[in-house]
Amino acid sequence: MTSKTSTIPDRDLRRFGDVRDLLPDVNNPSPIVRLNRVDPAVDLDLYLKLEWMNPFGSLKDRTAAYLLAGLRERGELKDNKEIIEATSGNTGIALAALGALTGRKVTVTVPEGVPEEKKVALRMLGADVWETPDDVCPVDHPTDGAIALARSFVRSAGGDRYSMPNQYENDDNVRAHYETTGPEVWSQTEGQVRWFVAGLGTTGTVTGVGRFLKEKDPSIQIVAVEPQPGHRIPGLKNLEEAKEPRIVDWSVIDHVIRVNDDPAYETTKQIWREEGLMVGPSTGAVVSAVSQLDTSESDTVVAISADSGLKYTSYFQELLGTEGVPHV
């Protein structure tokens, strides 16, 4: 190489200037992988879109990049401002990683039930992590308590210290998936996708992808997967017990499927053991929901696999119990 910078980035050679060049887009999509053994319907082409292959490990890499870009474009991210965000982990991790690359301080507020693996990752990236116990923030849903705490930090600082993207109300969350995830799904299936399935959380993914795919073909079915009240599926929300995100667009969502914790976790384990894919619990939820859909044979279904199960090993230990532990 004649120059240190002349040939960076080069996607053909998989050579990059820094980790941000790995962020996904239609020319550098996250992969889709067919499920061949865990298949809710005969002859169904069910693909998982492996968002945990993104550089910071989740679907929220897209969201975080767009949230920060939007703040910069609107002049809301002055040089001296810190980022603060309420998160169940993944958006915070991506924000913290992007902050580390630019020397910008990141503070996150998280529900205390967030897996320890995520809290450790956040602190390793240099983020300040504030937990919100339910008895301190008596709200309908733990994430709502984290949002309230983040907003209280912003108010107490008088608006001069923090910039809060607020992924639950920020249209840049939707735009990330309208401009990247949706076009990728369409291109990777060569326009053959008939169903798109995603978990219900901030609703940015299902809204953004739904809008894009509906513009391409209004007959494509968009499915939001919602956990039951009192669930323990990280990253997903039940909207009976949590505030509805402002950015949700119900006009592009054709079906809402409810799932229980037990089948979600059992399906997660099955995907690990029969497909060799180390997915998180929300992936098990969306795959188990596919069995409730009125699909036709040979339909192409794309389901979001939001993050890796390696962030939930403490949860999985409870699922496994003493299974596989040798006894003397």
C-alpha atoms as a PDB file:
ATOM      1  CA  MET A   1       0.000   0.000   0.000  1.00  0.00           C
ATOM      2  CA  THR A   2       1.510   3.324  -1.064  1.00  0.00           C
ATOM      3  CA  SER A   3      -0.522   5.473   1.317  1.00  0.00           C
ATOM      4  CA  LYS A   4      -1.792   4.953   4.819  1.00  0.00           C
ATOM      5  CA  THR A   5      -5.229   6.323   3.902  1.00  0.00           C
ATOM      6  CA  SER A   6      -5.638   6.125   0.127  1.00  0.00           C
ATOM      7  CA  THR A   7      -7.251   2.676   0.109  1.00  0.00           C
ATOM      8  CA  ILE A   8      -9.305   2.886   3.325  1.00  0.00           C
ATOM      9  CA  PRO A   9     -12.058   1.798   3.531  1.00  0.00           C
ATOM     10  CA  ASP A  10     -12.057  -1.015   0.979  1.00  0.00           C
ATOM     11  CA  ARG A  11     -15.080  -3.275   1.469  1.00  0.00           C
ATOM     12  CA  ASP A  12     -13.923  -5.746  -1.176  1.00  0.00           C
ATOM     13  CA  LEU A  13     -10.803  -6.386   0.886  1.00  0.00           C
ATOM     14  CA  ARG A  14     -12.685  -6.035   4.195  1.00  0.00           C
ATOM     15  CA  ARG A  15     -10.236  -3.307   5.216  1.00  0.00           C
ATOM     16  CA  PHE A  16     -11.573  -0.373   7.216  1.00  0.00           C
ATOM     17  CA  GLY A  17     -10.426   2.920   8.702  1.00  0.00           C
ATOM     18  CA  ASP A  18     -12.188   2.319  12.002  1.00  0.00           C
ATOM     19  CA  VAL A  19     -15.060   0.292  13.396  1.00  0.00           C
ATOM     20  CA  ARG A  20     -17.711   2.799  12.226  1.00  0.00           C
ATOM     21  CA  ASP A  21     -17.077   1.692   8.643  1.00  0.00           C
ATOM     22  CA  LEU A  22     -18.589  -1.657   9.653  1.00  0.00           C
ATOM     23  CA  LEU A  23     -22.009  -0.146  10.377  1.00  0.00           C
ATOM     24  CA  PRO A  24     -24.597  -1.802   8.147  1.00  0.00           C
ATOM     25  CA  ASP A  25     -26.317  -0.354   5.088  1.00  0.00           C
ATOM     26  CA  VAL A  26     -27.692  -1.705   1.823  1.00  0.00           C
ATOM     27  CA  ASN A  27     -24.146  -2.062   0.451  1.00  0.00           C
ATOM     28  CA  ASN A  28     -22.881  -3.686   3.648  1.00  0.00           C
ATOM     29  CA  PRO A  29     -25.942  -5.498   5.035  1.00  0.00           C
ATOM     30  CA  SER A  30     -26.150  -7.632   8.118  1.00  0.00           C
ATOM     31  CA  PRO A  31     -26.573 -11.245   6.953  1.00  0.00           C
ATOM     32  CA  ILE A  32     -29.784 -13.213   6.695  1.00  0.00           C
ATOM     33  CA  VAL A  33     -29.544 -16.930   7.490  1.00  0.00           C
ATOM     34  CA  ARG A  34     -32.192 -19.565   6.785  1.00  0.00           C
ATOM     35  CA  LEU A  35     -33.487 -21.703   9.620  1.00  0.00           C
ATOM     36  CA  ASN A  36     -33.391 -25.310   8.437  1.00  0.00           C
ATOM     37  CA  ARG A  37     -34.233 -27.292  11.575  1.00  0.00           C
ATOM     38  CA  VAL A  38     -36.185 -24.896  13.765  1.00  0.00           C
ATOM     39  CA  ASP A  39     -39.008 -24.287  11.344  1.00  0.00           C
ATOM     40  CA  PRO A  40     -42.523 -23.389  12.535  1.00  0.00           C
ATOM     41  CA  ALA A  41     -44.139 -24.393   9.222  1.00  0.00           C
ATOM     42  CA  VAL A  42     -43.431 -26.936   6.507  1.00  0.00           C
ATOM     43  CA  ASP A  43     -41.710 -25.481   3.431  1.00  0.00           C
ATOM     44  CA  LEU A  44     -41.573 -22.030   4.976  1.00  0.00           C
ATOM     45  CA  ASP A  45     -38.492 -20.023   4.045  1.00  0.00           C
ATOM     46  CA  LEU A  46     -37.759 -18.434   7.403  1.00  0.00           C
ATOM     47  CA  TYR A  47     -34.677 -16.255   7.599  1.00  0.00           C
ATOM     48  CA  LEU A  48     -33.143 -14.577  10.621  1.00  0.00           C
ATOM     49  CA  LYS A  49     -31.511 -11.216  10.041  1.00  0.00           C
ATOM     50  CA  LEU A  50     -28.475 -11.443  12.298  1.00  0.00           C
ATOM     51  CA  GLU A  51     -28.180  -7.956  13.748  1.00  0.00           C
ATOM     52  CA  TRP A  52     -25.688  -9.161  16.347  1.00  0.00           C
ATOM     53  CA  MET A  53     -23.159  -9.321  13.508  1.00  0.00           C
ATOM     54  CA  ASN A  54     -23.095  -5.508  13.572  1.00  0.00           C
ATOM     55  CA  PRO A  55     -19.930  -3.951  15.059  1.00  0.00           C
ATOM     56  CA  PHE A  56     -21.336  -3.154  18.514  1.00  0.00           C
ATOM     57  CA  GLY A  57     -23.388  -6.316  18.690  1.00  0.00           C
ATOM     58  CA  SER A  58     -27.030  -5.448  18.041  1.00  0.00           C
ATOM     59  CA  LEU A  59     -29.792  -3.967  15.942  1.00  0.00           C
ATOM     60  CA  LYS A  60     -29.371  -0.753  17.921  1.00  0.00           C
ATOM     61  CA  ASP A  61     -26.070   0.053  16.202  1.00  0.00           C
ATOM     62  CA  ARG A  62     -28.159   1.486  13.367  1.00  0.00           C
ATOM     63  CA  THR A  63     -30.358   3.461  15.730  1.00  0.00           C
ATOM     64  CA  ALA A  64     -27.475   4.942  17.715  1.00  0.00           C
ATOM     65  CA  ALA A  65     -25.623   6.096  14.596  1.00  0.00           C
ATOM     66  CA  TYR A  66     -28.735   7.811  13.243  1.00  0.00           C
ATOM     67  CA  LEU A  67     -29.626   9.350  16.610  1.00  0.00           C
ATOM     68  CA  LEU A  68     -26.211  10.977  16.885  1.00  0.00           C
ATOM     69  CA  ALA A  69     -26.220  12.091  13.246  1.00  0.00           C
ATOM     70  CA  GLY A  70     -29.620  13.705  13.754  1.00  0.00           C
ATOM     71  CA  LEU A  71     -28.453  15.571  16.860  1.00  0.00           C
ATOM     72  CA  ARG A  72     -25.452  16.889  14.958  1.00  0.00           C
ATOM     73  CA  GLU A  73     -27.542  17.938  11.959  1.00  0.00           C
ATOM     74  CA  ARG A  74     -29.925  19.891  14.195  1.00  0.00           C
ATOM     75  CA  GLY A  75     -27.111  21.577  16.099  1.00  0.00           C
ATOM     76  CA  GLU A  76     -28.098  19.825  19.343  1.00  0.00           C
ATOM     77  CA  LEU A  77     -24.725  18.215  19.972  1.00  0.00           C
ATOM     78  CA  LYS A  78     -22.278  20.961  20.882  1.00  0.00           C
ATOM     79  CA  ASP A  79     -18.692  19.998  21.585  1.00  0.00           C
ATOM     80  CA  ASN A  80     -19.060  20.217  25.352  1.00  0.00           C
ATOM     81  CA  LYS A  81     -22.332  18.273  25.635  1.00  0.00           C
ATOM     82  CA  GLU A  82     -22.604  14.762  27.010  1.00  0.00           C
ATOM     83  CA  ILE A  83     -25.029  12.145  25.733  1.00  0.00           C
ATOM     84  CA  ILE A  84     -27.602  10.748  28.127  1.00  0.00           C
ATOM     85  CA  GLU A  85     -30.081   8.042  27.183  1.00  0.00           C
ATOM     86  CA  ALA A  86     -32.496   5.602  28.788  1.00  0.00           C
ATOM     87  CA  THR A  87     -31.891   2.102  27.482  1.00  0.00           C
ATOM     88  CA  SER A  88     -32.415  -1.568  28.127  1.00  0.00           C
ATOM     89  CA  GLY A  89     -28.784  -1.944  27.137  1.00  0.00           C
ATOM     90  CA  ASN A  90     -28.170  -2.229  23.419  1.00  0.00           C
ATOM     91  CA  THR A  91     -28.717   1.377  22.356  1.00  0.00           C
ATOM     92  CA  GLY A  92     -26.575   2.466  25.287  1.00  0.00           C
ATOM     93  CA  ILE A  93     -23.783   0.096  24.290  1.00  0.00           C
ATOM     94  CA  ALA A  94     -23.748   1.447  20.729  1.00  0.00           C
ATOM     95  CA  LEU A  95     -23.892   5.068  21.935  1.00  0.00           C
ATOM     96  CA  ALA A  96     -21.064   4.399  24.385  1.00  0.00           C
ATOM     97  CA  ALA A  97     -18.927   2.806  21.668  1.00  0.00           C
ATOM     98  CA  LEU A  98     -19.528   5.707  19.287  1.00  0.00           C
ATOM     99  CA  GLY A  99     -18.861   8.130  22.129  1.00  0.00           C
ATOM    100  CA  ALA A 100     -15.576   6.378  22.877  1.00  0.00           C
ATOM    101  CA  LEU A 101     -14.501   6.909  19.267  1.00  0.00           C
ATOM    102  CA  THR A 102     -15.109  10.647  19.498  1.00  0.00           C
ATOM    103  CA  GLY A 103     -14.165  11.300  23.124  1.00  0.00           C
ATOM    104  CA  ARG A 104     -17.737  12.179  24.089  1.00  0.00           C
ATOM    105  CA  LYS A 105     -19.003  11.204  27.540  1.00  0.00           C
ATOM    106  CA  VAL A 106     -22.067   8.948  27.638  1.00  0.00           C
ATOM    107  CA  THR A 107     -24.385   8.387  30.597  1.00  0.00           C
ATOM    108  CA  VAL A 108     -27.102   5.760  30.506  1.00  0.00           C
ATOM    109  CA  THR A 109     -30.035   4.980  32.774  1.00  0.00           C
ATOM    110  CA  VAL A 110     -31.130   1.352  32.819  1.00  0.00           C
ATOM    111  CA  PRO A 111     -33.699  -0.774  34.658  1.00  0.00           C
ATOM    112  CA  GLU A 112     -32.030  -2.750  37.436  1.00  0.00           C
ATOM    113  CA  GLY A 113     -33.186  -6.002  35.790  1.00  0.00           C
ATOM    114  CA  VAL A 114     -30.954  -5.439  32.755  1.00  0.00           C
ATOM    115  CA  PRO A 115     -28.532  -8.390  32.493  1.00  0.00           C
ATOM    116  CA  GLU A 116     -25.219  -7.863  34.257  1.00  0.00           C
ATOM    117  CA  GLU A 117     -23.422  -8.683  31.017  1.00  0.00           C
ATOM    118  CA  LYS A 118     -24.822  -5.514  29.440  1.00  0.00           C
ATOM    119  CA  LYS A 119     -23.974  -3.341  32.434  1.00  0.00           C
ATOM    120  CA  VAL A 120     -20.402  -4.606  32.357  1.00  0.00           C
ATOM    121  CA  ALA A 121     -20.139  -3.873  28.621  1.00  0.00           C
ATOM    122  CA  LEU A 122     -21.437  -0.337  29.170  1.00  0.00           C
ATOM    123  CA  ARG A 123     -18.898   0.329  31.918  1.00  0.00           C
ATOM    124  CA  MET A 124     -16.071  -1.207  29.873  1.00  0.00           C
ATOM    125  CA  LEU A 125     -16.898   1.326  27.148  1.00  0.00           C
ATOM    126  CA  GLY A 126     -16.614   4.142  29.683  1.00  0.00           C
ATOM    127  CA  ALA A 127     -20.299   4.921  30.181  1.00  0.00           C
ATOM    128  CA  ASP A 128     -21.716   6.058  33.505  1.00  0.00           C
ATOM    129  CA  VAL A 129     -24.490   3.606  34.364  1.00  0.00           C
ATOM    130  CA  TRP A 130     -27.398   4.583  36.632  1.00  0.00           C
ATOM    131  CA  GLU A 131     -29.883   1.866  37.585  1.00  0.00           C
ATOM    132  CA  THR A 132     -33.544   2.521  38.365  1.00  0.00           C
ATOM    133  CA  PRO A 133     -35.005   0.135  40.970  1.00  0.00           C
ATOM    134  CA  ASP A 134     -38.768  -0.311  40.716  1.00  0.00           C
ATOM    135  CA  ASP A 135     -39.304   0.790  44.308  1.00  0.00           C
ATOM    136  CA  VAL A 136     -37.476   4.070  43.611  1.00  0.00           C
ATOM    137  CA  CYS A 137     -39.201   4.758  40.294  1.00  0.00           C
ATOM    138  CA  PRO A 138     -42.754   3.465  40.759  1.00  0.00           C
ATOM    139  CA  VAL A 139     -43.946   3.398  37.151  1.00  0.00           C
ATOM    140  CA  ASP A 140     -45.759   0.894  34.971  1.00  0.00           C
ATOM    141  CA  HIS A 141     -42.657  -0.466  33.291  1.00  0.00           C
ATOM    142  CA  PRO A 142     -38.971  -0.457  34.346  1.00  0.00           C
ATOM    143  CA  THR A 143     -37.821   1.209  31.115  1.00  0.00           C
ATOM    144  CA  ASP A 144     -40.258   4.052  31.779  1.00  0.00           C
ATOM    145  CA  GLY A 145     -38.476   4.615  35.092  1.00  0.00           C
ATOM    146  CA  ALA A 146     -35.141   4.809  33.273  1.00  0.00           C
ATOM    147  CA  ILE A 147     -36.612   7.387  30.884  1.00  0.00           C
ATOM    148  CA  ALA A 148     -37.892   9.455  33.800  1.00  0.00           C
ATOM    149  CA  LEU A 149     -34.477   9.377  35.478  1.00  0.00           C
ATOM    150  CA  ALA A 150     -32.674  10.443  32.297  1.00  0.00           C
ATOM    151  CA  ARG A 151     -35.081  13.342  31.858  1.00  0.00           C
ATOM    152  CA  SER A 152     -34.542  14.396  35.459  1.00  0.00           C
ATOM    153  CA  PHE A 153     -30.782  14.589  34.819  1.00  0.00           C
ATOM    154  CA  VAL A 154     -31.393  16.817  31.796  1.00  0.00           C
ATOM    155  CA  ARG A 155     -33.720  19.106  33.763  1.00  0.00           C
ATOM    156  CA  SER A 156     -31.415  19.383  36.766  1.00  0.00           C
ATOM    157  CA  ALA A 157     -28.489  20.348  34.514  1.00  0.00           C
ATOM    158  CA  GLY A 158     -30.513  23.134  32.900  1.00  0.00           C
ATOM    159  CA  GLY A 159     -30.101  21.880  29.358  1.00  0.00           C
ATOM    160  CA  ASP A 160     -26.425  22.842  29.130  1.00  0.00           C
ATOM    161  CA  ARG A 161     -24.744  19.570  30.048  1.00  0.00           C
ATOM    162  CA  TYR A 162     -26.719  16.767  28.389  1.00  0.00           C
ATOM    163  CA  SER A 163     -28.200  15.985  25.005  1.00  0.00           C
ATOM    164  CA  MET A 164     -30.814  13.217  25.162  1.00  0.00           C
ATOM    165  CA  PRO A 165     -31.674  11.497  21.851  1.00  0.00           C
ATOM    166  CA  ASN A 166     -34.750   9.752  23.371  1.00  0.00           C
ATOM    167  CA  GLN A 167     -35.091   6.809  21.007  1.00  0.00           C
ATOM    168  CA  TYR A 168     -38.749   6.314  21.988  1.00  0.00           C
ATOM    169  CA  GLU A 169     -39.777   9.673  20.535  1.00  0.00           C
ATOM    170  CA  ASN A 170     -37.080  10.396  17.975  1.00  0.00           C
ATOM    171  CA  ASP A 171     -37.983   9.951  14.298  1.00  0.00           C
ATOM    172  CA  ASP A 172     -34.314   9.271  13.519  1.00  0.00           C
ATOM    173  CA  ASN A 173     -34.904   5.859  15.091  1.00  0.00           C
ATOM    174  CA  VAL A 174     -37.502   5.115  12.412  1.00  0.00           C
ATOM    175  CA  ARG A 175     -35.359   6.679   9.678  1.00  0.00           C
ATOM    176  CA  ALA A 176     -32.468   4.342  10.496  1.00  0.00           C
ATOM    177  CA  HIS A 177     -34.581   1.330   9.608  1.00  0.00           C
ATOM    178  CA  TYR A 178     -36.416   2.953   6.707  1.00  0.00           C
ATOM    179  CA  GLU A 179     -33.087   3.824   5.066  1.00  0.00           C
ATOM    180  CA  THR A 180     -31.046   0.720   5.974  1.00  0.00           C
ATOM    181  CA  THR A 181     -32.823  -2.328   7.434  1.00  0.00           C
ATOM    182  CA  GLY A 182     -35.835  -2.167   5.108  1.00  0.00           C
ATOM    183  CA  PRO A 183     -33.843  -1.804   1.880  1.00  0.00           C
ATOM    184  CA  GLU A 184     -31.523  -4.591   3.013  1.00  0.00           C
ATOM    185  CA  VAL A 185     -34.419  -7.003   3.615  1.00  0.00           C
ATOM    186  CA  TRP A 186     -35.910  -6.174   0.211  1.00  0.00           C
ATOM    187  CA  SER A 187     -32.581  -6.580  -1.594  1.00  0.00           C
ATOM    188  CA  GLN A 188     -31.463  -9.733   0.230  1.00  0.00           C
ATOM    189  CA  THR A 189     -34.738 -11.528  -0.554  1.00  0.00           C
ATOM    190  CA  GLU A 190     -34.770 -10.158  -4.120  1.00  0.00           C
ATOM    191  CA  GLY A 191     -38.178  -8.666  -3.409  1.00  0.00           C
ATOM    192  CA  GLN A 192     -39.643 -12.037  -2.401  1.00  0.00           C
ATOM    193  CA  VAL A 193     -40.240 -11.252   1.285  1.00  0.00           C
ATOM    194  CA  ARG A 194     -43.907 -11.837   2.198  1.00  0.00           C
ATOM    195  CA  TRP A 195     -43.700 -11.425   5.999  1.00  0.00           C
ATOM    196  CA  PHE A 196     -41.482  -9.276   8.178  1.00  0.00           C
ATOM    197  CA  VAL A 197     -41.415 -10.036  11.921  1.00  0.00           C
ATOM    198  CA  ALA A 198     -39.826  -7.904  14.652  1.00  0.00           C
ATOM    199  CA  GLY A 199     -40.139  -7.476  18.389  1.00  0.00           C
ATOM    200  CA  LEU A 200     -42.099  -4.573  19.851  1.00  0.00           C
ATOM    201  CA  GLY A 201     -39.745  -2.309  21.796  1.00  0.00           C
ATOM    202  CA  THR A 202     -39.045   1.274  20.822  1.00  0.00           C
ATOM    203  CA  THR A 203     -41.047   0.377  17.637  1.00  0.00           C
ATOM    204  CA  GLY A 204     -38.444   2.034  15.402  1.00  0.00           C
ATOM    205  CA  THR A 205     -37.629  -1.193  13.565  1.00  0.00           C
ATOM    206  CA  VAL A 206     -41.140  -2.406  12.824  1.00  0.00           C
ATOM    207  CA  THR A 207     -42.260   1.113  11.848  1.00  0.00           C
ATOM    208  CA  GLY A 208     -39.273   1.965   9.652  1.00  0.00           C
ATOM    209  CA  VAL A 209     -39.019  -1.396   7.898  1.00  0.00           C
ATOM    210  CA  GLY A 210     -42.804  -1.574   7.632  1.00  0.00           C
ATOM    211  CA  ARG A 211     -43.005   1.771   5.854  1.00  0.00           C
ATOM    212  CA  PHE A 212     -40.293   0.849   3.399  1.00  0.00           C
ATOM    213  CA  LEU A 213     -41.646  -2.592   2.555  1.00  0.00           C
ATOM    214  CA  LYS A 214     -45.249  -1.355   2.270  1.00  0.00           C
ATOM    215  CA  GLU A 215     -44.083   1.215  -0.276  1.00  0.00           C
ATOM    216  CA  LYS A 216     -42.471  -1.586  -2.268  1.00  0.00           C
ATOM    217  CA  ASP A 217     -45.456  -3.955  -1.978  1.00  0.00           C
ATOM    218  CA  PRO A 218     -48.497  -3.147   0.192  1.00  0.00           C
ATOM    219  CA  SER A 219     -49.379  -6.845   0.453  1.00  0.00           C
ATOM    220  CA  ILE A 220     -46.263  -7.638   2.524  1.00  0.00           C
ATOM    221  CA  GLN A 221     -47.376  -8.482   6.058  1.00  0.00           C
ATOM    222  CA  ILE A 222     -45.691  -6.639   8.922  1.00  0.00           C
ATOM    223  CA  VAL A 223     -45.793  -8.387  12.292  1.00  0.00           C
ATOM    224  CA  ALA A 224     -44.976  -6.920  15.711  1.00  0.00           C
ATOM    225  CA  VAL A 225     -44.218  -9.408  18.488  1.00  0.00           C
ATOM    226  CA  GLU A 226     -45.309  -8.323  21.953  1.00  0.00           C
ATOM    227  CA  PRO A 227     -44.509 -10.087  25.231  1.00  0.00           C
ATOM    228  CA  GLN A 228     -47.137 -10.801  27.845  1.00  0.00           C
ATOM    229  CA  PRO A 229     -47.493  -8.460  30.858  1.00  0.00           C
ATOM    230  CA  GLY A 230     -44.866  -9.134  33.505  1.00  0.00           C
ATOM    231  CA  HIS A 231     -42.557 -10.712  30.930  1.00  0.00           C
ATOM    232  CA  ARG A 232     -38.817 -11.241  31.168  1.00  0.00           C
ATOM    233  CA  ILE A 233     -37.751 -10.849  27.552  1.00  0.00           C
ATOM    234  CA  PRO A 234     -35.138  -8.074  27.416  1.00  0.00           C
ATOM    235  CA  GLY A 235     -35.609  -5.382  24.786  1.00  0.00           C
ATOM    236  CA  LEU A 236     -39.327  -6.011  24.245  1.00  0.00           C
ATOM    237  CA  LYS A 237     -42.285  -4.071  25.640  1.00  0.00           C
ATOM    238  CA  ASN A 238     -45.839  -4.917  26.525  1.00  0.00           C
ATOM    239  CA  LEU A 239     -47.793  -1.770  25.760  1.00  0.00           C
ATOM    240  CA  GLU A 240     -50.475  -2.511  28.353  1.00  0.00           C
ATOM    241  CA  GLU A 241     -47.890  -1.908  31.079  1.00  0.00           C
ATOM    242  CA  ALA A 242     -45.619   0.624  29.373  1.00  0.00           C
ATOM    243  CA  LYS A 243     -46.071   3.954  27.667  1.00  0.00           C
ATOM    244  CA  GLU A 244     -46.637   3.653  23.921  1.00  0.00           C
ATOM    245  CA  PRO A 245     -43.662   5.094  22.006  1.00  0.00           C
ATOM    246  CA  ARG A 246     -44.553   8.236  20.088  1.00  0.00           C
ATOM    247  CA  ILE A 247     -42.839   6.979  16.928  1.00  0.00           C
ATOM    248  CA  VAL A 248     -45.007   3.885  16.404  1.00  0.00           C
ATOM    249  CA  ASP A 249     -47.034   3.864  13.182  1.00  0.00           C
ATOM    250  CA  TRP A 250     -49.845   1.337  13.534  1.00  0.00           C
ATOM    251  CA  SER A 251     -50.913   1.893   9.917  1.00  0.00           C
ATOM    252  CA  VAL A 252     -47.994  -0.214   8.665  1.00  0.00           C
ATOM    253  CA  ILE A 253     -48.397  -3.018  11.240  1.00  0.00           C
ATOM    254  CA  ASP A 254     -50.761  -5.788  10.125  1.00  0.00           C
ATOM    255  CA  HIS A 255     -50.521  -8.142  13.105  1.00  0.00           C
ATOM    256  CA  VAL A 256     -49.516  -8.034  16.768  1.00  0.00           C
ATOM    257  CA  ILE A 257     -48.633 -11.467  18.150  1.00  0.00           C
ATOM    258  CA  ARG A 258     -48.393 -12.095  21.897  1.00  0.00           C
ATOM    259  CA  VAL A 259     -45.788 -14.523  23.195  1.00  0.00           C
ATOM    260  CA  ASN A 260     -45.097 -16.015  26.629  1.00  0.00           C
ATOM    261  CA  ASP A 261     -41.690 -16.241  28.264  1.00  0.00           C
ATOM    262  CA  ASP A 262     -41.479 -20.038  28.351  1.00  0.00           C
ATOM    263  CA  PRO A 263     -41.867 -20.699  24.602  1.00  0.00           C
ATOM    264  CA  ALA A 264     -39.620 -17.726  23.835  1.00  0.00           C
ATOM    265  CA  TYR A 265     -36.788 -19.124  25.964  1.00  0.00           C
ATOM    266  CA  GLU A 266     -37.332 -22.715  24.843  1.00  0.00           C
ATOM    267  CA  THR A 267     -37.224 -21.613  21.200  1.00  0.00           C
ATOM    268  CA  THR A 268     -34.062 -19.645  21.937  1.00  0.00           C
ATOM    269  CA  LYS A 269     -32.448 -22.792  23.331  1.00  0.00           C
ATOM    270  CA  GLN A 270     -33.630 -24.780  20.323  1.00  0.00           C
ATOM    271  CA  ILE A 271     -32.072 -22.279  17.904  1.00  0.00           C
ATOM    272  CA  TRP A 272     -28.751 -22.567  19.740  1.00  0.00           C
ATOM    273  CA  ARG A 273     -28.804 -26.364  19.730  1.00  0.00           C
ATOM    274  CA  GLU A 274     -30.271 -27.100  16.317  1.00  0.00           C
ATOM    275  CA  GLU A 275     -29.053 -24.175  14.219  1.00  0.00           C
ATOM    276  CA  GLY A 276     -25.817 -23.232  16.016  1.00  0.00           C
ATOM    277  CA  LEU A 277     -26.956 -19.607  16.184  1.00  0.00           C
ATOM    278  CA  MET A 278     -26.200 -17.966  19.531  1.00  0.00           C
ATOM    279  CA  VAL A 279     -29.227 -15.684  19.632  1.00  0.00           C
ATOM    280  CA  GLY A 280     -30.816 -13.673  22.412  1.00  0.00           C
ATOM    281  CA  PRO A 281     -34.257 -14.241  23.998  1.00  0.00           C
ATOM    282  CA  SER A 282     -36.079 -11.751  21.755  1.00  0.00           C
ATOM    283  CA  THR A 283     -35.100 -13.896  18.773  1.00  0.00           C
ATOM    284  CA  GLY A 284     -36.754 -16.886  20.394  1.00  0.00           C
ATOM    285  CA  ALA A 285     -39.844 -14.741  20.888  1.00  0.00           C
ATOM    286  CA  VAL A 286     -40.101 -13.680  17.255  1.00  0.00           C
ATOM    287  CA  VAL A 287     -39.451 -17.192  15.945  1.00  0.00           C
ATOM    288  CA  SER A 288     -42.057 -18.714  18.258  1.00  0.00           C
ATOM    289  CA  ALA A 289     -44.528 -16.070  17.048  1.00  0.00           C
ATOM    290  CA  VAL A 290     -44.095 -17.175  13.427  1.00  0.00           C
ATOM    291  CA  SER A 291     -45.945 -20.413  14.211  1.00  0.00           C
ATOM    292  CA  GLN A 292     -49.059 -18.310  14.924  1.00  0.00           C
ATOM    293  CA  LEU A 293     -49.067 -16.688  11.477  1.00  0.00           C
ATOM    294  CA  ASP A 294     -51.313 -17.753   8.628  1.00  0.00           C
ATOM    295  CA  THR A 295     -48.453 -18.313   6.224  1.00  0.00           C
ATOM    296  CA  SER A 296     -48.568 -20.170   2.934  1.00  0.00           C
ATOM    297  CA  GLU A 297     -46.146 -22.837   1.828  1.00  0.00           C
ATOM    298  CA  SER A 298     -42.906 -21.415   0.455  1.00  0.00           C
ATOM    299  CA  ASP A 299     -43.624 -17.942   1.850  1.00  0.00           C
ATOM    300  CA  THR A 300     -40.446 -16.014   2.563  1.00  0.00           C
ATOM    301  CA  VAL A 301     -40.360 -14.690   6.130  1.00  0.00           C
ATOM    302  CA  VAL A 302     -37.639 -12.461   7.547  1.00  0.00           C
ATOM    303  CA  ALA A 303     -37.437 -12.155  11.331  1.00  0.00           C
ATOM    304  CA  ILE A 304     -35.154  -9.854  13.262  1.00  0.00           C
ATOM    305  CA  SER A 305     -32.503 -11.445  15.475  1.00  0.00           C
ATOM    306  CA  ALA A 306     -31.741  -8.324  17.479  1.00  0.00           C
ATOM    307  CA  ASP A 307     -28.721  -9.370  19.501  1.00  0.00           C
ATOM    308  CA  SER A 308     -26.503 -12.175  20.711  1.00  0.00           C
ATOM    309  CA  GLY A 309     -27.356 -14.537  23.512  1.00  0.00           C
ATOM    310  CA  LEU A 310     -23.889 -14.009  24.953  1.00  0.00           C
ATOM    311  CA  LYS A 311     -25.335 -10.925  26.663  1.00  0.00           C
ATOM    312  CA  TYR A 312     -27.809 -13.103  28.568  1.00  0.00           C
ATOM    313  CA  THR A 313     -25.778 -15.997  29.939  1.00  0.00           C
ATOM    314  CA  SER A 314     -26.898 -15.183  33.478  1.00  0.00           C
ATOM    315  CA  TYR A 315     -30.525 -15.524  32.333  1.00  0.00           C
ATOM    316  CA  PHE A 316     -29.776 -18.748  30.498  1.00  0.00           C
ATOM    317  CA  GLN A 317     -28.185 -20.291  33.578  1.00  0.00           C
ATOM    318  CA  GLU A 318     -31.601 -20.127  35.221  1.00  0.00           C
ATOM    319  CA  LEU A 319     -33.137 -21.742  32.121  1.00  0.00           C
ATOM    320  CA  LEU A 320     -30.611 -24.566  32.140  1.00  0.00           C
ATOM    321  CA  GLY A 321     -30.639 -25.192  35.881  1.00  0.00           C
ATOM    322  CA  THR A 322     -28.433 -28.189  36.572  1.00  0.00           C
ATOM    323  CA  GLU A 323     -28.723 -29.506  33.019  1.00  0.00           C
ATOM    324  CA  GLY A 324     -25.353 -30.657  31.746  1.00  0.00           C
ATOM    325  CA  VAL A 325     -23.665 -30.387  35.157  1.00  0.00           C
ATOM    326  CA  PRO A 326     -21.756 -33.616  35.843  1.00  0.00           C
ATOM    327  CA  HIS A 327     -22.551 -35.418  39.053  1.00  0.00           C
ATOM    328  CA  VAL A 328     -20.023 -37.492  40.957  1.00  0.00           C
END
